[in-house]
C-alpha atoms as a PDB file:
ATOM      1  CA  UNK A   1     133.768 118.385 105.941  1.00  0.00           C
ATOM      2  CA  UNK A   2     130.772 120.636 105.284  1.00  0.00           C
ATOM      3  CA  UNK A   3     127.435 119.479 106.632  1.00  0.00           C
ATOM      4  CA  UNK A   4     125.031 118.221 103.986  1.00  0.00           C
ATOM      5  CA  UNK A   5     121.444 117.098 104.391  1.00  0.00           C
ATOM      6  CA  UNK A   6     119.702 114.483 102.320  1.00  0.00           C
ATOM      7  CA  UNK A   7     116.671 112.253 102.634  1.00  0.00           C
ATOM      8  CA  UNK A   8     118.169 108.878 103.480  1.00  0.00           C
ATOM      9  CA  UNK A   9     117.303 105.430 102.172  1.00  0.00           C
ATOM     10  CA  UNK A  10     117.612 103.039 105.110  1.00  0.00           C
ATOM     11  CA  UNK A  11     117.302  99.244 105.061  1.00  0.00           C
ATOM     12  CA  UNK A  12     116.669  97.026 108.108  1.00  0.00           C
ATOM     13  CA  UNK A  13     117.133  93.405 107.048  1.00  0.00           C
ATOM     14  CA  UNK A  14     118.459  90.076 108.298  1.00  0.00           C
ATOM     15  CA  UNK A  15     117.043  87.018 110.063  1.00  0.00           C
ATOM     16  CA  UNK A  16     116.922  88.546 113.547  1.00  0.00           C
ATOM     17  CA  UNK A  17     114.040  90.220 115.345  1.00  0.00           C
ATOM     18  CA  UNK A  18     113.765  93.995 115.412  1.00  0.00           C
ATOM     19  CA  UNK A  19     113.501  95.309 111.850  1.00  0.00           C
ATOM     20  CA  UNK A  20     110.043  96.844 112.172  1.00  0.00           C
ATOM     21  CA  UNK A  21     110.793  97.826 115.769  1.00  0.00           C
ATOM     22  CA  UNK A  22     113.894  99.745 114.649  1.00  0.00           C
ATOM     23  CA  UNK A  23     111.867 101.519 111.961  1.00  0.00           C
ATOM     24  CA  UNK A  24     109.230 102.454 114.547  1.00  0.00           C
ATOM     25  CA  UNK A  25     111.959 103.781 116.835  1.00  0.00           C
ATOM     26  CA  UNK A  26     113.102 106.058 114.021  1.00  0.00           C
ATOM     27  CA  UNK A  27     109.471 107.032 113.384  1.00  0.00           C
ATOM     28  CA  UNK A  28     109.032 107.938 117.048  1.00  0.00           C
ATOM     29  CA  UNK A  29     112.222 110.028 116.961  1.00  0.00           C
ATOM     30  CA  UNK A  30     111.103 111.729 113.726  1.00  0.00           C
ATOM     31  CA  UNK A  31     107.692 112.629 115.185  1.00  0.00           C
ATOM     32  CA  UNK A  32     109.487 114.082 118.209  1.00  0.00           C
ATOM     33  CA  UNK A  33     111.420 116.348 115.841  1.00  0.00           C
ATOM     34  CA  UNK A  34     108.247 117.525 114.122  1.00  0.00           C
ATOM     35  CA  UNK A  35     108.462 115.265 111.069  1.00  0.00           C
ATOM     36  CA  UNK A  36     105.389 113.653 109.523  1.00  0.00           C
ATOM     37  CA  UNK A  37     105.629 109.850 109.176  1.00  0.00           C
ATOM     38  CA  UNK A  38     103.774 107.201 107.164  1.00  0.00           C
ATOM     39  CA  UNK A  39     104.271 103.447 107.563  1.00  0.00           C
ATOM     40  CA  UNK A  40     102.814 101.209 104.850  1.00  0.00           C
ATOM     41  CA  UNK A  41     102.745  97.566 105.925  1.00  0.00           C
ATOM     42  CA  UNK A  42     102.990  95.275 102.894  1.00  0.00           C
ATOM     43  CA  UNK A  43     102.293  91.929 104.584  1.00  0.00           C
ATOM     44  CA  UNK A  44     100.691  92.689 107.953  1.00  0.00           C
ATOM     45  CA  UNK A  45      96.934  92.802 107.861  1.00  0.00           C
ATOM     46  CA  UNK A  46      94.087  92.078 110.237  1.00  0.00           C
ATOM     47  CA  UNK A  47      95.990  91.191 113.419  1.00  0.00           C
ATOM     48  CA  UNK A  48      95.966  93.704 116.243  1.00  0.00           C
ATOM     49  CA  UNK A  49      99.413  95.233 116.789  1.00  0.00           C
ATOM     50  CA  UNK A  50     100.274  97.609 119.633  1.00  0.00           C
ATOM     51  CA  UNK A  51     101.941 100.054 117.250  1.00  0.00           C
ATOM     52  CA  UNK A  52      98.555 100.756 115.636  1.00  0.00           C
ATOM     53  CA  UNK A  53      97.147 101.987 118.965  1.00  0.00           C
ATOM     54  CA  UNK A  54     100.321 103.960 119.704  1.00  0.00           C
ATOM     55  CA  UNK A  55     100.079 105.715 116.338  1.00  0.00           C
ATOM     56  CA  UNK A  56      96.459 106.658 117.077  1.00  0.00           C
ATOM     57  CA  UNK A  57      97.552 108.056 120.460  1.00  0.00           C
ATOM     58  CA  UNK A  58     100.165 110.243 118.764  1.00  0.00           C
ATOM     59  CA  UNK A  59      97.620 111.298 116.179  1.00  0.00           C
ATOM     60  CA  UNK A  60      97.507 110.292 112.521  1.00  0.00           C
ATOM     61  CA  UNK A  61      98.594 113.790 111.533  1.00  0.00           C
ATOM     62  CA  UNK A  62     101.999 112.815 113.006  1.00  0.00           C
ATOM     63  CA  UNK A  63     102.275 109.039 112.481  1.00  0.00           C
ATOM     64  CA  UNK A  64      99.993 107.055 110.198  1.00  0.00           C
ATOM     65  CA  UNK A  65     100.285 103.255 109.952  1.00  0.00           C
ATOM     66  CA  UNK A  66      98.415 101.428 107.196  1.00  0.00           C
ATOM     67  CA  UNK A  67      98.342  97.592 107.240  1.00  0.00           C
ATOM     68  CA  UNK A  68      97.593  96.712 103.598  1.00  0.00           C
ATOM     69  CA  UNK A  69      98.249  92.956 103.491  1.00  0.00           C
ATOM     70  CA  UNK A  70      96.324  89.944 104.730  1.00  0.00           C
ATOM     71  CA  UNK A  71      98.867  88.732 107.242  1.00  0.00           C
ATOM     72  CA  UNK A  72     100.917  85.660 106.507  1.00  0.00           C
ATOM     73  CA  UNK A  73     101.754  84.929 102.868  1.00  0.00           C
ATOM     74  CA  UNK A  74     102.242  81.354 101.661  1.00  0.00           C
ATOM     75  CA  UNK A  75     105.601  80.844 100.012  1.00  0.00           C
ATOM     76  CA  UNK A  76     107.403  77.845  98.646  1.00  0.00           C
ATOM     77  CA  UNK A  77     106.801  75.754  95.574  1.00  0.00           C
ATOM     78  CA  UNK A  78     103.483  77.357  94.674  1.00  0.00           C
ATOM     79  CA  UNK A  79     103.174  80.907  93.420  1.00  0.00           C
ATOM     80  CA  UNK A  80     101.877  83.552  95.839  1.00  0.00           C
ATOM     81  CA  UNK A  81      98.111  83.888  96.041  1.00  0.00           C
ATOM     82  CA  UNK A  82      96.909  86.394  93.402  1.00  0.00           C
ATOM     83  CA  UNK A  83      95.045  88.314  96.122  1.00  0.00           C
ATOM     84  CA  UNK A  84      98.306  88.804  98.049  1.00  0.00           C
ATOM     85  CA  UNK A  85     100.018  89.973  94.860  1.00  0.00           C
ATOM     86  CA  UNK A  86      97.149  92.405  94.194  1.00  0.00           C
ATOM     87  CA  UNK A  87      97.420  93.811  97.713  1.00  0.00           C
ATOM     88  CA  UNK A  88     101.193  94.218  97.430  1.00  0.00           C
ATOM     89  CA  UNK A  89     100.734  96.056  94.129  1.00  0.00           C
ATOM     90  CA  UNK A  90      98.092  98.306  95.684  1.00  0.00           C
ATOM     91  CA  UNK A  91     100.336  99.011  98.688  1.00  0.00           C
ATOM     92  CA  UNK A  92     103.280  99.771  96.393  1.00  0.00           C
ATOM     93  CA  UNK A  93     101.336 102.202  94.191  1.00  0.00           C
ATOM     94  CA  UNK A  94      99.968 103.960  97.269  1.00  0.00           C
ATOM     95  CA  UNK A  95     103.380 104.169  98.993  1.00  0.00           C
ATOM     96  CA  UNK A  96     105.154 105.295  95.818  1.00  0.00           C
ATOM     97  CA  UNK A  97     102.611 108.075  95.380  1.00  0.00           C
ATOM     98  CA  UNK A  98     103.070 109.226  98.975  1.00  0.00           C
ATOM     99  CA  UNK A  99     106.877 109.190  98.629  1.00  0.00           C
ATOM    100  CA  UNK A 100     106.715 111.247  95.439  1.00  0.00           C
ATOM    101  CA  UNK A 101     104.164 113.703  96.896  1.00  0.00           C
ATOM    102  CA  UNK A 102     106.529 114.883  99.628  1.00  0.00           C
ATOM    103  CA  UNK A 103     103.526 114.940 101.981  1.00  0.00           C
ATOM    104  CA  UNK A 104     105.517 112.855 104.485  1.00  0.00           C
ATOM    105  CA  UNK A 105     109.063 113.459 105.703  1.00  0.00           C
ATOM    106  CA  UNK A 106     109.600 109.742 106.402  1.00  0.00           C
ATOM    107  CA  UNK A 107     107.909 106.831 104.639  1.00  0.00           C
ATOM    108  CA  UNK A 108     108.445 103.333 106.045  1.00  0.00           C
ATOM    109  CA  UNK A 109     107.909 100.434 103.637  1.00  0.00           C
ATOM    110  CA  UNK A 110     107.399  97.749 106.267  1.00  0.00           C
ATOM    111  CA  UNK A 111     108.084  94.185 105.090  1.00  0.00           C
ATOM    112  CA  UNK A 112     108.559  95.282 101.483  1.00  0.00           C
ATOM    113  CA  UNK A 113     111.708  93.131 101.323  1.00  0.00           C
ATOM    114  CA  UNK A 114     109.496  90.059 101.833  1.00  0.00           C
ATOM    115  CA  UNK A 115     107.220  91.143  98.987  1.00  0.00           C
ATOM    116  CA  UNK A 116     110.272  91.494  96.747  1.00  0.00           C
ATOM    117  CA  UNK A 117     111.916  88.222  97.799  1.00  0.00           C
ATOM    118  CA  UNK A 118     108.588  86.382  97.310  1.00  0.00           C
ATOM    119  CA  UNK A 119     108.579  87.762  93.727  1.00  0.00           C
ATOM    120  CA  UNK A 120     105.412  89.761  94.324  1.00  0.00           C
ATOM    121  CA  UNK A 121     107.116  93.063  93.469  1.00  0.00           C
ATOM    122  CA  UNK A 122     109.949  93.866  91.047  1.00  0.00           C
ATOM    123  CA  UNK A 123     112.955  95.319  92.916  1.00  0.00           C
ATOM    124  CA  UNK A 124     113.937  97.467  89.926  1.00  0.00           C
ATOM    125  CA  UNK A 125     110.615  99.336  90.153  1.00  0.00           C
ATOM    126  CA  UNK A 126     111.343 100.087  93.790  1.00  0.00           C
ATOM    127  CA  UNK A 127     114.914 101.213  93.098  1.00  0.00           C
ATOM    128  CA  UNK A 128     113.760 103.484  90.272  1.00  0.00           C
ATOM    129  CA  UNK A 129     111.161 105.127  92.533  1.00  0.00           C
ATOM    130  CA  UNK A 130     113.733 105.579  95.302  1.00  0.00           C
ATOM    131  CA  UNK A 131     116.104 107.280  92.864  1.00  0.00           C
ATOM    132  CA  UNK A 132     113.314 109.691  91.873  1.00  0.00           C
ATOM    133  CA  UNK A 133     112.095 110.537  95.385  1.00  0.00           C
ATOM    134  CA  UNK A 134     112.115 114.153  96.564  1.00  0.00           C
ATOM    135  CA  UNK A 135     115.543 115.073  97.954  1.00  0.00           C
ATOM    136  CA  UNK A 136     114.514 115.443 101.604  1.00  0.00           C
ATOM    137  CA  UNK A 137     112.146 112.476 101.938  1.00  0.00           C
ATOM    138  CA  UNK A 138     113.576 109.657 104.068  1.00  0.00           C
ATOM    139  CA  UNK A 139     112.539 106.059 103.269  1.00  0.00           C
ATOM    140  CA  UNK A 140     113.020 102.947 105.411  1.00  0.00           C
ATOM    141  CA  UNK A 141     112.593  99.469 103.903  1.00  0.00           C
ATOM    142  CA  UNK A 142     112.235  96.492 106.261  1.00  0.00           C
ATOM    143  CA  UNK A 143     112.158  92.714 105.967  1.00  0.00           C
ATOM    144  CA  UNK A 144     114.509  89.786 105.593  1.00  0.00           C
ATOM    145  CA  UNK A 145     116.489  89.074 102.447  1.00  0.00           C
ATOM    146  CA  UNK A 146     116.855  92.615 101.129  1.00  0.00           C
ATOM    147  CA  UNK A 147     117.492  92.426  97.384  1.00  0.00           C
ATOM    148  CA  UNK A 148     121.068  93.351  96.343  1.00  0.00           C
ATOM    149  CA  UNK A 149     119.726  96.212  94.187  1.00  0.00           C
ATOM    150  CA  UNK A 150     117.949  97.663  97.249  1.00  0.00           C
ATOM    151  CA  UNK A 151     121.095  97.293  99.362  1.00  0.00           C
ATOM    152  CA  UNK A 152     123.164  99.007  96.650  1.00  0.00           C
ATOM    153  CA  UNK A 153     120.715 101.916  96.445  1.00  0.00           C
ATOM    154  CA  UNK A 154     120.604 102.465 100.232  1.00  0.00           C
ATOM    155  CA  UNK A 155     122.564 104.966 102.289  1.00  0.00           C
ATOM    156  CA  UNK A 156     122.373 102.848 105.462  1.00  0.00           C
ATOM    157  CA  UNK A 157     121.874  99.093 105.778  1.00  0.00           C
ATOM    158  CA  UNK A 158     121.577  97.306 109.108  1.00  0.00           C
ATOM    159  CA  UNK A 159     121.355  93.536 109.344  1.00  0.00           C
ATOM    160  CA  UNK A 160     119.614  92.095 112.404  1.00  0.00           C
ATOM    161  CA  UNK A 161     121.181  88.825 113.474  1.00  0.00           C
ATOM    162  CA  UNK A 162     119.478  86.486 115.905  1.00  0.00           C
ATOM    163  CA  UNK A 163     121.742  85.326 118.700  1.00  0.00           C
ATOM    164  CA  UNK A 164     119.079  83.969 121.023  1.00  0.00           C
ATOM    165  CA  UNK A 165     115.257  84.019 120.997  1.00  0.00           C
ATOM    166  CA  UNK A 166     112.742  83.128 123.758  1.00  0.00           C
ATOM    167  CA  UNK A 167     110.805  80.957 121.284  1.00  0.00           C
ATOM    168  CA  UNK A 168     113.723  78.496 121.470  1.00  0.00           C
ATOM    169  CA  UNK A 169     112.752  77.934 125.139  1.00  0.00           C
ATOM    170  CA  UNK A 170     109.063  77.552 124.317  1.00  0.00           C
ATOM    171  CA  UNK A 171     108.169  81.108 125.385  1.00  0.00           C
ATOM    172  CA  UNK A 172     105.356  82.456 123.243  1.00  0.00           C
ATOM    173  CA  UNK A 173     105.165  85.962 121.751  1.00  0.00           C
ATOM    174  CA  UNK A 174     104.581  88.568 124.451  1.00  0.00           C
ATOM    175  CA  UNK A 175     101.995  91.346 124.124  1.00  0.00           C
ATOM    176  CA  UNK A 176     103.777  94.701 123.983  1.00  0.00           C
ATOM    177  CA  UNK A 177     107.075  93.107 122.964  1.00  0.00           C
ATOM    178  CA  UNK A 178     106.411  91.143 119.757  1.00  0.00           C
ATOM    179  CA  UNK A 179     103.041  92.635 118.848  1.00  0.00           C
END
């Protein structure tokens, strides 16, 4: 079979831990191969995450991480807060523009699957943009409950499944491991 190259659409989904971590592992590998990486975080906001400092250490010309949300989003019976919807829309327009520009070799849409499943972003808009991306741009989408249209569009889908978690034993999130 002849070798072919293509910018991949990758989805990390499922209820287990490790979706963003897997995307960051790919980002780290990509930077090591000379690729330029952008991560747009759709939900994460003002909290301090270790990956932000690591990206600064690598240099933003290699890996840029932009938290564009407010943190936790209320879901359930009530509709999402209009401010959260506005921020998701802003993050989407920014990320879509960066994907289309070809400025980055890899664009990570961190927690975008949450924004879609919370009905803050139309999955068909995302699929359409992914179909129109430059041929060699790779895109990773993370978050639980990936929409079937996103899964169908993807080249690679990995589902994280929780088998055991330290929280079940009352162990709190550990600095450098969970954040």
